[in-house]
Amino acid sequence: MNRRTLLTAATALLAAPRLAVAQGAWPERPVRVIVPFTPGGTTDILGRAIAAELQEVFNQPFVIENRGGAGGTVGSEVVARAAPDGYTLMMGHIGTLAVNPSLYRNLSFDPSTSFAPIGLMAIVPNILAVNPRKVPANNVQELIALAKARPGALTYGSGGNGSAAHTAMVAFCQATGTQMEHIPYRGTGPMMNDLIAGTIDLTLTGGPAILPAVRSNLVKALGVSSLRRLSSAQDIPTIAEQGVTGFDATQWYGLVAPAGTPRPIIDRLNEAHNRILNGPRLRPRLEGEGADAAPGTPEEFRDLIARERTRWGELIRATNMRPD
């Protein structure tokens, strides 16, 4: 064995214990969780819920940092460029991880390779809701009739280009042969404020963000975008059972880290994440807010992202969907 080989081996032996100690000690300081949208939307609500639980598990602050803009790409880029040390995570969702690669052609990062999936957190059906003062529709078919009578006159809001509400409404318009005008916002919270105020006519967005307004009679729910009714809102029929056969456009949310984050850290986060979702505290809360807990492995989450990227990429190309 020559001198160079001996030096290389010695360096590796010295470095290995330090790496193991560093990974074993994680987290030694606060962890930031980037939410790539403004406060008040489903991404923010779920991100704060899981961060609070992880904080208790690891006895370190998990600090939410809202970085909204450009359909979630601004915050996503922050995470993609962050050090892969376990101290920066992101609450990702269908838009940031599956839709944006096809919608935004000049991203400075690739969502399929820039992130390490930790775990899927929740499946969230969208709720189609209107401002009842502006839209005299009591069900999905009445809304379709109004939209066909006045092509392009009805406005729908979303949390931004490529957001779940945006893509779900594009799918709805394609399935029903209707045309409506998209009004993108910097987040679901501001969009909901304008829907309640009557600035826009309707939306198709996640239950946690819109159910409180439905239950307060501030907006009227017409249908649910999943193939089955919400367990927490059985009185709202599905869009599919109202004549839009097979319509299924749900959201999903989950934690990711920058690519290259050590696997021991990913595994520790995944184990804690799944234990929280299977526990007696968060699961009932999610169900009450219109979300279904969806614990699983990082590999299962990665496969879901890949399948959804293909599915929604096909829709974007078929409808010539572009940022508004």
C-alpha atoms as a PDB file:
ATOM      1  CA  MET A   1       0.000   0.000   0.000  1.00  0.00           C
ATOM      2  CA  ASN A   2       1.573   3.294  -1.097  1.00  0.00           C
ATOM      3  CA  ARG A   3       1.686   6.505   0.897  1.00  0.00           C
ATOM      4  CA  ARG A   4      -1.176   8.160  -1.017  1.00  0.00           C
ATOM      5  CA  THR A   5      -3.482   5.174  -0.410  1.00  0.00           C
ATOM      6  CA  LEU A   6      -2.591   5.193   3.299  1.00  0.00           C
ATOM      7  CA  LEU A   7      -3.375   8.909   3.560  1.00  0.00           C
ATOM      8  CA  THR A   8      -6.713   8.482   1.749  1.00  0.00           C
ATOM      9  CA  ALA A   9      -7.724   5.604   4.029  1.00  0.00           C
ATOM     10  CA  ALA A  10      -6.724   7.503   7.151  1.00  0.00           C
ATOM     11  CA  THR A  11      -8.676  10.561   6.059  1.00  0.00           C
ATOM     12  CA  ALA A  12     -11.765   8.454   5.463  1.00  0.00           C
ATOM     13  CA  LEU A  13     -11.473   6.801   8.876  1.00  0.00           C
ATOM     14  CA  LEU A  14     -11.112  10.146  10.598  1.00  0.00           C
ATOM     15  CA  ALA A  15     -14.017  11.694   8.700  1.00  0.00           C
ATOM     16  CA  ALA A  16     -16.480   8.830   9.193  1.00  0.00           C
ATOM     17  CA  PRO A  17     -16.927   9.204  12.968  1.00  0.00           C
ATOM     18  CA  ARG A  18     -17.414  12.956  12.649  1.00  0.00           C
ATOM     19  CA  LEU A  19     -20.084  12.433   9.984  1.00  0.00           C
ATOM     20  CA  ALA A  20     -21.857   9.828  12.099  1.00  0.00           C
ATOM     21  CA  VAL A  21     -21.778  12.098  15.129  1.00  0.00           C
ATOM     22  CA  ALA A  22     -23.077  15.051  13.113  1.00  0.00           C
ATOM     23  CA  GLN A  23     -25.943  13.037  11.678  1.00  0.00           C
ATOM     24  CA  GLY A  24     -26.722  11.391  14.988  1.00  0.00           C
ATOM     25  CA  ALA A  25     -26.870  14.745  16.770  1.00  0.00           C
ATOM     26  CA  TRP A  26     -29.252  16.323  14.271  1.00  0.00           C
ATOM     27  CA  PRO A  27     -31.052  18.593  14.939  1.00  0.00           C
ATOM     28  CA  GLU A  28     -28.799  20.716  17.120  1.00  0.00           C
ATOM     29  CA  ARG A  29     -30.469  24.022  16.171  1.00  0.00           C
ATOM     30  CA  PRO A  30     -33.767  25.283  14.737  1.00  0.00           C
ATOM     31  CA  VAL A  31     -35.021  23.848  11.458  1.00  0.00           C
ATOM     32  CA  ARG A  32     -36.777  26.146   8.996  1.00  0.00           C
ATOM     33  CA  VAL A  33     -39.743  24.862   7.007  1.00  0.00           C
ATOM     34  CA  ILE A  34     -40.318  26.857   3.843  1.00  0.00           C
ATOM     35  CA  VAL A  35     -43.955  27.284   2.808  1.00  0.00           C
ATOM     36  CA  PRO A  36     -43.770  28.594  -0.781  1.00  0.00           C
ATOM     37  CA  PHE A  37     -47.060  30.506  -0.462  1.00  0.00           C
ATOM     38  CA  THR A  38     -48.479  33.281   1.694  1.00  0.00           C
ATOM     39  CA  PRO A  39     -50.176  32.487   5.036  1.00  0.00           C
ATOM     40  CA  GLY A  40     -53.753  31.215   5.172  1.00  0.00           C
ATOM     41  CA  GLY A  41     -53.758  28.597   2.414  1.00  0.00           C
ATOM     42  CA  THR A  42     -53.804  24.824   2.721  1.00  0.00           C
ATOM     43  CA  THR A  43     -50.017  24.546   2.258  1.00  0.00           C
ATOM     44  CA  ASP A  44     -49.512  26.967   5.132  1.00  0.00           C
ATOM     45  CA  ILE A  45     -52.139  25.322   7.363  1.00  0.00           C
ATOM     46  CA  LEU A  46     -50.690  21.828   6.903  1.00  0.00           C
ATOM     47  CA  GLY A  47     -47.110  23.065   7.116  1.00  0.00           C
ATOM     48  CA  ARG A  48     -47.740  24.702  10.486  1.00  0.00           C
ATOM     49  CA  ALA A  49     -49.555  21.612  11.759  1.00  0.00           C
ATOM     50  CA  ILE A  50     -46.724  19.188  10.987  1.00  0.00           C
ATOM     51  CA  ALA A  51     -44.019  21.668  12.078  1.00  0.00           C
ATOM     52  CA  ALA A  52     -45.611  22.015  15.504  1.00  0.00           C
ATOM     53  CA  GLU A  53     -45.648  18.241  15.935  1.00  0.00           C
ATOM     54  CA  LEU A  54     -42.058  17.765  14.717  1.00  0.00           C
ATOM     55  CA  GLN A  55     -40.942  20.449  17.143  1.00  0.00           C
ATOM     56  CA  GLU A  56     -42.223  18.335  20.020  1.00  0.00           C
ATOM     57  CA  VAL A  57     -40.615  15.152  18.705  1.00  0.00           C
ATOM     58  CA  PHE A  58     -37.145  16.633  18.162  1.00  0.00           C
ATOM     59  CA  ASN A  59     -37.196  19.249  20.932  1.00  0.00           C
ATOM     60  CA  GLN A  60     -36.044  21.960  18.536  1.00  0.00           C
ATOM     61  CA  PRO A  61     -38.012  24.779  16.877  1.00  0.00           C
ATOM     62  CA  PHE A  62     -39.361  23.977  13.399  1.00  0.00           C
ATOM     63  CA  VAL A  63     -39.899  27.516  12.143  1.00  0.00           C
ATOM     64  CA  ILE A  64     -42.330  28.259   9.312  1.00  0.00           C
ATOM     65  CA  GLU A  65     -41.027  30.724   6.728  1.00  0.00           C
ATOM     66  CA  ASN A  66     -43.522  31.865   4.084  1.00  0.00           C
ATOM     67  CA  ARG A  67     -41.846  32.579   0.728  1.00  0.00           C
ATOM     68  CA  GLY A  68     -44.675  33.184  -1.726  1.00  0.00           C
ATOM     69  CA  GLY A  69     -44.476  34.150  -5.375  1.00  0.00           C
ATOM     70  CA  ALA A  70     -44.609  32.769  -8.927  1.00  0.00           C
ATOM     71  CA  GLY A  71     -46.829  29.810  -8.121  1.00  0.00           C
ATOM     72  CA  GLY A  72     -44.497  28.538  -5.420  1.00  0.00           C
ATOM     73  CA  THR A  73     -41.333  28.671  -7.508  1.00  0.00           C
ATOM     74  CA  VAL A  74     -39.728  31.425  -5.415  1.00  0.00           C
ATOM     75  CA  GLY A  75     -39.832  29.428  -2.190  1.00  0.00           C
ATOM     76  CA  SER A  76     -38.999  26.201  -3.997  1.00  0.00           C
ATOM     77  CA  GLU A  77     -35.822  27.737  -5.396  1.00  0.00           C
ATOM     78  CA  VAL A  78     -34.771  28.781  -1.889  1.00  0.00           C
ATOM     79  CA  VAL A  79     -34.982  25.150  -0.773  1.00  0.00           C
ATOM     80  CA  ALA A  80     -33.395  23.750  -3.936  1.00  0.00           C
ATOM     81  CA  ARG A  81     -30.348  25.954  -3.336  1.00  0.00           C
ATOM     82  CA  ALA A  82     -30.160  25.424   0.448  1.00  0.00           C
ATOM     83  CA  ALA A  83     -27.443  23.375   2.108  1.00  0.00           C
ATOM     84  CA  PRO A  84     -28.477  19.691   2.284  1.00  0.00           C
ATOM     85  CA  ASP A  85     -27.898  19.469   6.016  1.00  0.00           C
ATOM     86  CA  GLY A  86     -31.416  18.832   7.347  1.00  0.00           C
ATOM     87  CA  TYR A  87     -31.951  22.398   8.523  1.00  0.00           C
ATOM     88  CA  THR A  88     -34.089  23.519   5.576  1.00  0.00           C
ATOM     89  CA  LEU A  89     -37.264  21.649   4.599  1.00  0.00           C
ATOM     90  CA  MET A  90     -40.234  22.524   2.410  1.00  0.00           C
ATOM     91  CA  MET A  91     -43.930  21.773   2.535  1.00  0.00           C
ATOM     92  CA  GLY A  92     -44.310  20.761  -1.081  1.00  0.00           C
ATOM     93  CA  HIS A  93     -47.508  20.022  -2.941  1.00  0.00           C
ATOM     94  CA  ILE A  94     -48.946  19.031  -6.294  1.00  0.00           C
ATOM     95  CA  GLY A  95     -48.225  22.426  -7.840  1.00  0.00           C
ATOM     96  CA  THR A  96     -44.647  22.977  -6.742  1.00  0.00           C
ATOM     97  CA  LEU A  97     -43.527  19.383  -7.265  1.00  0.00           C
ATOM     98  CA  ALA A  98     -45.612  18.071 -10.187  1.00  0.00           C
ATOM     99  CA  VAL A  99     -47.205  20.936 -12.139  1.00  0.00           C
ATOM    100  CA  ASN A 100     -44.570  23.674 -12.209  1.00  0.00           C
ATOM    101  CA  PRO A 101     -41.967  21.690 -14.220  1.00  0.00           C
ATOM    102  CA  SER A 102     -44.355  21.737 -17.201  1.00  0.00           C
ATOM    103  CA  LEU A 103     -45.948  25.127 -16.579  1.00  0.00           C
ATOM    104  CA  TYR A 104     -42.760  27.146 -16.064  1.00  0.00           C
ATOM    105  CA  ARG A 105     -40.307  26.529 -18.889  1.00  0.00           C
ATOM    106  CA  ASN A 106     -37.281  28.399 -17.500  1.00  0.00           C
ATOM    107  CA  LEU A 107     -36.955  27.228 -13.911  1.00  0.00           C
ATOM    108  CA  SER A 108     -33.449  27.517 -12.484  1.00  0.00           C
ATOM    109  CA  PHE A 109     -33.877  24.106 -10.822  1.00  0.00           C
ATOM    110  CA  ASP A 110     -35.505  20.774 -11.654  1.00  0.00           C
ATOM    111  CA  PRO A 111     -38.164  19.768  -9.092  1.00  0.00           C
ATOM    112  CA  SER A 112     -37.648  16.099  -9.985  1.00  0.00           C
ATOM    113  CA  THR A 113     -33.961  16.134  -9.004  1.00  0.00           C
ATOM    114  CA  SER A 114     -33.561  19.111  -6.668  1.00  0.00           C
ATOM    115  CA  PHE A 115     -35.468  17.641  -3.717  1.00  0.00           C
ATOM    116  CA  ALA A 116     -35.268  14.569  -1.515  1.00  0.00           C
ATOM    117  CA  PRO A 117     -38.790  13.371  -0.630  1.00  0.00           C
ATOM    118  CA  ILE A 118     -39.394  12.771   3.077  1.00  0.00           C
ATOM    119  CA  GLY A 119     -43.016  11.713   3.127  1.00  0.00           C
ATOM    120  CA  LEU A 120     -46.485  12.365   1.805  1.00  0.00           C
ATOM    121  CA  MET A 121     -48.540  14.064   4.506  1.00  0.00           C
ATOM    122  CA  ALA A 122     -52.096  14.381   3.217  1.00  0.00           C
ATOM    123  CA  ILE A 123     -54.473  13.905   0.318  1.00  0.00           C
ATOM    124  CA  VAL A 124     -56.790  16.906   0.098  1.00  0.00           C
ATOM    125  CA  PRO A 125     -59.894  16.988  -2.123  1.00  0.00           C
ATOM    126  CA  ASN A 126     -60.773  20.365  -3.579  1.00  0.00           C
ATOM    127  CA  ILE A 127     -64.123  22.020  -2.941  1.00  0.00           C
ATOM    128  CA  LEU A 128     -65.870  23.932  -5.716  1.00  0.00           C
ATOM    129  CA  ALA A 129     -67.377  27.016  -4.094  1.00  0.00           C
ATOM    130  CA  VAL A 130     -68.982  30.237  -5.303  1.00  0.00           C
ATOM    131  CA  ASN A 131     -69.805  33.620  -3.872  1.00  0.00           C
ATOM    132  CA  PRO A 132     -73.604  33.233  -3.583  1.00  0.00           C
ATOM    133  CA  ARG A 133     -74.220  36.954  -4.060  1.00  0.00           C
ATOM    134  CA  LYS A 134     -72.545  36.882  -7.458  1.00  0.00           C
ATOM    135  CA  VAL A 135     -73.213  33.366  -8.776  1.00  0.00           C
ATOM    136  CA  PRO A 136     -76.842  32.139  -8.596  1.00  0.00           C
ATOM    137  CA  ALA A 137     -75.935  28.449  -8.797  1.00  0.00           C
ATOM    138  CA  ASN A 138     -76.999  25.788  -6.303  1.00  0.00           C
ATOM    139  CA  ASN A 139     -75.207  22.826  -7.890  1.00  0.00           C
ATOM    140  CA  VAL A 140     -72.564  21.929 -10.438  1.00  0.00           C
ATOM    141  CA  GLN A 141     -74.920  21.652 -13.393  1.00  0.00           C
ATOM    142  CA  GLU A 142     -76.336  25.120 -12.746  1.00  0.00           C
ATOM    143  CA  LEU A 143     -72.796  26.508 -12.642  1.00  0.00           C
ATOM    144  CA  ILE A 144     -71.950  24.785 -15.935  1.00  0.00           C
ATOM    145  CA  ALA A 145     -75.071  26.251 -17.514  1.00  0.00           C
ATOM    146  CA  LEU A 146     -74.123  29.769 -16.359  1.00  0.00           C
ATOM    147  CA  ALA A 147     -70.578  29.378 -17.655  1.00  0.00           C
ATOM    148  CA  LYS A 148     -71.768  28.152 -21.052  1.00  0.00           C
ATOM    149  CA  ALA A 149     -74.261  30.991 -21.321  1.00  0.00           C
ATOM    150  CA  ARG A 150     -71.506  33.559 -20.670  1.00  0.00           C
ATOM    151  CA  PRO A 151     -68.168  32.130 -21.894  1.00  0.00           C
ATOM    152  CA  GLY A 152     -65.247  33.787 -20.129  1.00  0.00           C
ATOM    153  CA  ALA A 153     -67.448  35.962 -17.923  1.00  0.00           C
ATOM    154  CA  LEU A 154     -67.063  34.004 -14.679  1.00  0.00           C
ATOM    155  CA  THR A 155     -63.806  34.484 -12.791  1.00  0.00           C
ATOM    156  CA  TYR A 156     -62.106  31.884 -10.628  1.00  0.00           C
ATOM    157  CA  GLY A 157     -59.291  32.510  -8.192  1.00  0.00           C
ATOM    158  CA  SER A 158     -56.305  30.392  -7.233  1.00  0.00           C
ATOM    159  CA  GLY A 159     -53.277  30.610  -4.989  1.00  0.00           C
ATOM    160  CA  GLY A 160     -51.107  31.245  -8.039  1.00  0.00           C
ATOM    161  CA  ASN A 161     -50.123  29.905 -11.421  1.00  0.00           C
ATOM    162  CA  GLY A 162     -49.672  26.149 -11.216  1.00  0.00           C
ATOM    163  CA  SER A 163     -51.372  25.943  -7.832  1.00  0.00           C
ATOM    164  CA  ALA A 164     -53.758  23.104  -7.087  1.00  0.00           C
ATOM    165  CA  ALA A 165     -56.771  25.392  -7.563  1.00  0.00           C
ATOM    166  CA  HIS A 166     -55.474  26.549 -10.939  1.00  0.00           C
ATOM    167  CA  THR A 167     -54.843  23.077 -12.357  1.00  0.00           C
ATOM    168  CA  ALA A 168     -58.051  21.651 -10.877  1.00  0.00           C
ATOM    169  CA  MET A 169     -60.125  24.385 -12.533  1.00  0.00           C
ATOM    170  CA  VAL A 170     -58.367  23.876 -15.867  1.00  0.00           C
ATOM    171  CA  ALA A 171     -59.301  20.192 -15.586  1.00  0.00           C
ATOM    172  CA  PHE A 172     -62.881  21.116 -14.653  1.00  0.00           C
ATOM    173  CA  CYS A 173     -63.259  23.490 -17.610  1.00  0.00           C
ATOM    174  CA  GLN A 174     -61.832  20.872 -19.958  1.00  0.00           C
ATOM    175  CA  ALA A 175     -64.176  18.184 -18.612  1.00  0.00           C
ATOM    176  CA  THR A 176     -67.274  20.401 -18.835  1.00  0.00           C
ATOM    177  CA  GLY A 177     -66.545  22.318 -22.024  1.00  0.00           C
ATOM    178  CA  THR A 178     -66.652  25.658 -20.227  1.00  0.00           C
ATOM    179  CA  GLN A 179     -64.464  28.756 -20.309  1.00  0.00           C
ATOM    180  CA  MET A 180     -63.737  30.892 -17.254  1.00  0.00           C
ATOM    181  CA  GLU A 181     -61.144  33.555 -16.518  1.00  0.00           C
ATOM    182  CA  HIS A 182     -58.295  32.663 -14.163  1.00  0.00           C
ATOM    183  CA  ILE A 183     -57.278  35.254 -11.539  1.00  0.00           C
ATOM    184  CA  PRO A 184     -54.013  34.156  -9.868  1.00  0.00           C
ATOM    185  CA  TYR A 185     -53.080  35.401  -6.384  1.00  0.00           C
ATOM    186  CA  ARG A 186     -49.895  35.192  -4.346  1.00  0.00           C
ATOM    187  CA  GLY A 187     -51.547  32.654  -2.078  1.00  0.00           C
ATOM    188  CA  THR A 188     -54.863  31.062  -1.148  1.00  0.00           C
ATOM    189  CA  GLY A 189     -55.410  33.380   1.813  1.00  0.00           C
ATOM    190  CA  PRO A 190     -55.652  36.575  -0.297  1.00  0.00           C
ATOM    191  CA  MET A 191     -57.730  34.693  -2.870  1.00  0.00           C
ATOM    192  CA  MET A 192     -60.221  33.595  -0.208  1.00  0.00           C
ATOM    193  CA  ASN A 193     -60.538  37.179   1.034  1.00  0.00           C
ATOM    194  CA  ASP A 194     -61.508  38.324  -2.461  1.00  0.00           C
ATOM    195  CA  LEU A 195     -63.898  35.406  -2.995  1.00  0.00           C
ATOM    196  CA  ILE A 196     -65.754  36.282   0.219  1.00  0.00           C
ATOM    197  CA  ALA A 197     -65.759  39.981  -0.749  1.00  0.00           C
ATOM    198  CA  GLY A 198     -67.123  39.202  -4.207  1.00  0.00           C
ATOM    199  CA  THR A 199     -64.119  40.404  -6.186  1.00  0.00           C
ATOM    200  CA  ILE A 200     -64.012  36.987  -7.891  1.00  0.00           C
ATOM    201  CA  ASP A 201     -66.834  34.526  -8.511  1.00  0.00           C
ATOM    202  CA  LEU A 202     -65.596  31.081  -7.519  1.00  0.00           C
ATOM    203  CA  THR A 203     -62.731  28.740  -6.748  1.00  0.00           C
ATOM    204  CA  LEU A 204     -61.905  25.046  -6.579  1.00  0.00           C
ATOM    205  CA  THR A 205     -59.468  24.780  -3.691  1.00  0.00           C
ATOM    206  CA  GLY A 206     -58.531  22.588  -0.740  1.00  0.00           C
ATOM    207  CA  GLY A 207     -60.850  21.836   2.160  1.00  0.00           C
ATOM    208  CA  PRO A 208     -58.674  23.174   5.009  1.00  0.00           C
ATOM    209  CA  ALA A 209     -58.603  26.631   3.409  1.00  0.00           C
ATOM    210  CA  ILE A 210     -62.251  26.885   2.370  1.00  0.00           C
ATOM    211  CA  LEU A 211     -64.351  24.778   4.748  1.00  0.00           C
ATOM    212  CA  PRO A 212     -64.405  27.430   7.506  1.00  0.00           C
ATOM    213  CA  ALA A 213     -65.930  29.913   5.031  1.00  0.00           C
ATOM    214  CA  VAL A 214     -68.427  27.281   3.850  1.00  0.00           C
ATOM    215  CA  ARG A 215     -69.485  26.480   7.406  1.00  0.00           C
ATOM    216  CA  SER A 216     -69.865  30.198   8.139  1.00  0.00           C
ATOM    217  CA  ASN A 217     -72.104  30.606   5.057  1.00  0.00           C
ATOM    218  CA  LEU A 218     -69.677  33.105   3.538  1.00  0.00           C
ATOM    219  CA  VAL A 219     -69.377  31.009   0.366  1.00  0.00           C
ATOM    220  CA  LYS A 220     -71.526  28.223  -1.061  1.00  0.00           C
ATOM    221  CA  ALA A 221     -70.017  24.781  -1.704  1.00  0.00           C
ATOM    222  CA  LEU A 222     -71.279  23.100  -4.867  1.00  0.00           C
ATOM    223  CA  GLY A 223     -69.152  19.969  -5.060  1.00  0.00           C
ATOM    224  CA  VAL A 224     -66.083  18.000  -4.003  1.00  0.00           C
ATOM    225  CA  SER A 225     -63.392  17.093  -6.535  1.00  0.00           C
ATOM    226  CA  SER A 226     -62.709  13.559  -5.245  1.00  0.00           C
ATOM    227  CA  LEU A 227     -64.647  10.435  -6.203  1.00  0.00           C
ATOM    228  CA  ARG A 228     -66.047  10.102  -2.689  1.00  0.00           C
ATOM    229  CA  ARG A 229     -67.545  12.632  -0.328  1.00  0.00           C
ATOM    230  CA  LEU A 230     -65.549  14.153   2.497  1.00  0.00           C
ATOM    231  CA  SER A 231     -66.037  12.346   5.797  1.00  0.00           C
ATOM    232  CA  SER A 232     -66.228  15.744   7.509  1.00  0.00           C
ATOM    233  CA  ALA A 233     -68.698  17.238   4.994  1.00  0.00           C
ATOM    234  CA  GLN A 234     -71.016  14.478   3.851  1.00  0.00           C
ATOM    235  CA  ASP A 235     -73.628  17.039   2.801  1.00  0.00           C
ATOM    236  CA  ILE A 236     -71.458  18.255  -0.100  1.00  0.00           C
ATOM    237  CA  PRO A 237     -71.905  15.948  -3.125  1.00  0.00           C
ATOM    238  CA  THR A 238     -68.998  15.100  -5.399  1.00  0.00           C
ATOM    239  CA  ILE A 239     -68.628  16.778  -8.764  1.00  0.00           C
ATOM    240  CA  ALA A 240     -68.586  13.320 -10.363  1.00  0.00           C
ATOM    241  CA  GLU A 241     -71.987  12.347  -8.974  1.00  0.00           C
ATOM    242  CA  GLN A 242     -73.452  15.569 -10.378  1.00  0.00           C
ATOM    243  CA  GLY A 243     -72.874  14.576 -13.974  1.00  0.00           C
ATOM    244  CA  VAL A 244     -69.155  15.198 -14.556  1.00  0.00           C
ATOM    245  CA  THR A 245     -68.456  11.474 -14.663  1.00  0.00           C
ATOM    246  CA  GLY A 246     -65.099  10.333 -13.303  1.00  0.00           C
ATOM    247  CA  PHE A 247     -63.932  13.813 -12.337  1.00  0.00           C
ATOM    248  CA  ASP A 248     -61.100  13.463  -9.816  1.00  0.00           C
ATOM    249  CA  ALA A 249     -58.706  16.337  -9.103  1.00  0.00           C
ATOM    250  CA  THR A 250     -57.308  16.148  -5.605  1.00  0.00           C
ATOM    251  CA  GLN A 251     -54.385  17.921  -4.016  1.00  0.00           C
ATOM    252  CA  TRP A 252     -51.568  16.310  -2.053  1.00  0.00           C
ATOM    253  CA  TYR A 253     -48.945  17.682   0.288  1.00  0.00           C
ATOM    254  CA  GLY A 254     -45.716  16.406   1.738  1.00  0.00           C
ATOM    255  CA  LEU A 255     -42.320  17.291   3.152  1.00  0.00           C
ATOM    256  CA  VAL A 256     -39.163  17.437   1.061  1.00  0.00           C
ATOM    257  CA  ALA A 257     -35.567  18.449   1.723  1.00  0.00           C
ATOM    258  CA  PRO A 258     -32.799  19.631  -0.607  1.00  0.00           C
ATOM    259  CA  ALA A 259     -31.320  16.852  -2.722  1.00  0.00           C
ATOM    260  CA  GLY A 260     -28.287  15.327  -1.060  1.00  0.00           C
ATOM    261  CA  THR A 261     -29.643  15.559   2.484  1.00  0.00           C
ATOM    262  CA  PRO A 262     -28.105  12.575   4.345  1.00  0.00           C
ATOM    263  CA  ARG A 263     -30.330   9.500   4.307  1.00  0.00           C
ATOM    264  CA  PRO A 264     -30.166   9.041   8.108  1.00  0.00           C
ATOM    265  CA  ILE A 265     -31.770  12.480   8.514  1.00  0.00           C
ATOM    266  CA  ILE A 266     -34.426  11.691   5.891  1.00  0.00           C
ATOM    267  CA  ASP A 267     -35.194   8.417   7.680  1.00  0.00           C
ATOM    268  CA  ARG A 268     -35.465  10.070  11.088  1.00  0.00           C
ATOM    269  CA  LEU A 269     -37.836  12.689   9.700  1.00  0.00           C
ATOM    270  CA  ASN A 270     -39.905  10.077   7.868  1.00  0.00           C
ATOM    271  CA  GLU A 271     -40.239   7.908  10.957  1.00  0.00           C
ATOM    272  CA  ALA A 272     -41.355  10.874  13.077  1.00  0.00           C
ATOM    273  CA  HIS A 273     -43.640  12.154  10.312  1.00  0.00           C
ATOM    274  CA  ASN A 274     -45.408   8.780   9.987  1.00  0.00           C
ATOM    275  CA  ARG A 275     -45.705   8.343  13.747  1.00  0.00           C
ATOM    276  CA  ILE A 276     -47.351  11.769  13.981  1.00  0.00           C
ATOM    277  CA  LEU A 277     -49.775  11.012  11.135  1.00  0.00           C
ATOM    278  CA  ASN A 278     -50.721   7.660  12.668  1.00  0.00           C
ATOM    279  CA  GLY A 279     -51.159   9.203  16.110  1.00  0.00           C
ATOM    280  CA  PRO A 280     -54.349  10.242  17.873  1.00  0.00           C
ATOM    281  CA  ARG A 281     -53.858  14.003  17.595  1.00  0.00           C
ATOM    282  CA  LEU A 282     -53.143  15.133  14.042  1.00  0.00           C
ATOM    283  CA  ARG A 283     -55.120  12.544  12.054  1.00  0.00           C
ATOM    284  CA  PRO A 284     -58.539  13.538  13.500  1.00  0.00           C
ATOM    285  CA  ARG A 285     -57.678  17.202  13.013  1.00  0.00           C
ATOM    286  CA  LEU A 286     -56.837  16.621   9.346  1.00  0.00           C
ATOM    287  CA  GLU A 287     -60.054  14.689   8.762  1.00  0.00           C
ATOM    288  CA  GLY A 288     -62.078  17.456  10.393  1.00  0.00           C
ATOM    289  CA  GLU A 289     -60.518  19.981   8.019  1.00  0.00           C
ATOM    290  CA  GLY A 290     -61.178  17.959   4.869  1.00  0.00           C
ATOM    291  CA  ALA A 291     -57.832  16.164   4.506  1.00  0.00           C
ATOM    292  CA  ASP A 292     -56.825  12.500   4.699  1.00  0.00           C
ATOM    293  CA  ALA A 293     -53.548  11.598   6.424  1.00  0.00           C
ATOM    294  CA  ALA A 294     -51.297   9.640   4.052  1.00  0.00           C
ATOM    295  CA  PRO A 295     -48.180   8.278   5.795  1.00  0.00           C
ATOM    296  CA  GLY A 296     -45.689   6.288   3.726  1.00  0.00           C
ATOM    297  CA  THR A 297     -42.069   5.915   2.649  1.00  0.00           C
ATOM    298  CA  PRO A 298     -39.879   8.460   0.836  1.00  0.00           C
ATOM    299  CA  GLU A 299     -39.850   6.107  -2.165  1.00  0.00           C
ATOM    300  CA  GLU A 300     -43.661   5.987  -2.308  1.00  0.00           C
ATOM    301  CA  PHE A 301     -43.774   9.770  -2.226  1.00  0.00           C
ATOM    302  CA  ARG A 302     -41.171   9.973  -5.003  1.00  0.00           C
ATOM    303  CA  ASP A 303     -43.233   7.609  -7.171  1.00  0.00           C
ATOM    304  CA  LEU A 304     -46.385   9.691  -6.604  1.00  0.00           C
ATOM    305  CA  ILE A 305     -44.571  12.863  -7.654  1.00  0.00           C
ATOM    306  CA  ALA A 306     -43.367  11.174 -10.848  1.00  0.00           C
ATOM    307  CA  ARG A 307     -46.837   9.856 -11.753  1.00  0.00           C
ATOM    308  CA  GLU A 308     -48.506  13.194 -11.075  1.00  0.00           C
ATOM    309  CA  ARG A 309     -45.875  15.090 -13.032  1.00  0.00           C
ATOM    310  CA  THR A 310     -46.725  12.945 -16.063  1.00  0.00           C
ATOM    311  CA  ARG A 311     -50.492  13.293 -15.559  1.00  0.00           C
ATOM    312  CA  TRP A 312     -50.594  17.047 -15.138  1.00  0.00           C
ATOM    313  CA  GLY A 313     -47.943  17.626 -17.783  1.00  0.00           C
ATOM    314  CA  GLU A 314     -50.269  15.989 -20.292  1.00  0.00           C
ATOM    315  CA  LEU A 315     -53.126  18.292 -19.219  1.00  0.00           C
ATOM    316  CA  ILE A 316     -50.939  21.392 -19.502  1.00  0.00           C
ATOM    317  CA  ARG A 317     -49.879  20.452 -23.018  1.00  0.00           C
ATOM    318  CA  ALA A 318     -53.436  19.488 -24.078  1.00  0.00           C
ATOM    319  CA  THR A 319     -54.935  22.772 -22.857  1.00  0.00           C
ATOM    320  CA  ASN A 320     -51.960  24.983 -23.750  1.00  0.00           C
ATOM    321  CA  MET A 321     -52.010  26.151 -20.134  1.00  0.00           C
ATOM    322  CA  ARG A 322     -49.744  29.145 -19.464  1.00  0.00           C
ATOM    323  CA  PRO A 323     -48.981  31.379 -16.477  1.00  0.00           C
ATOM    324  CA  ASP A 324     -51.478  34.277 -16.380  1.00  0.00           C
END
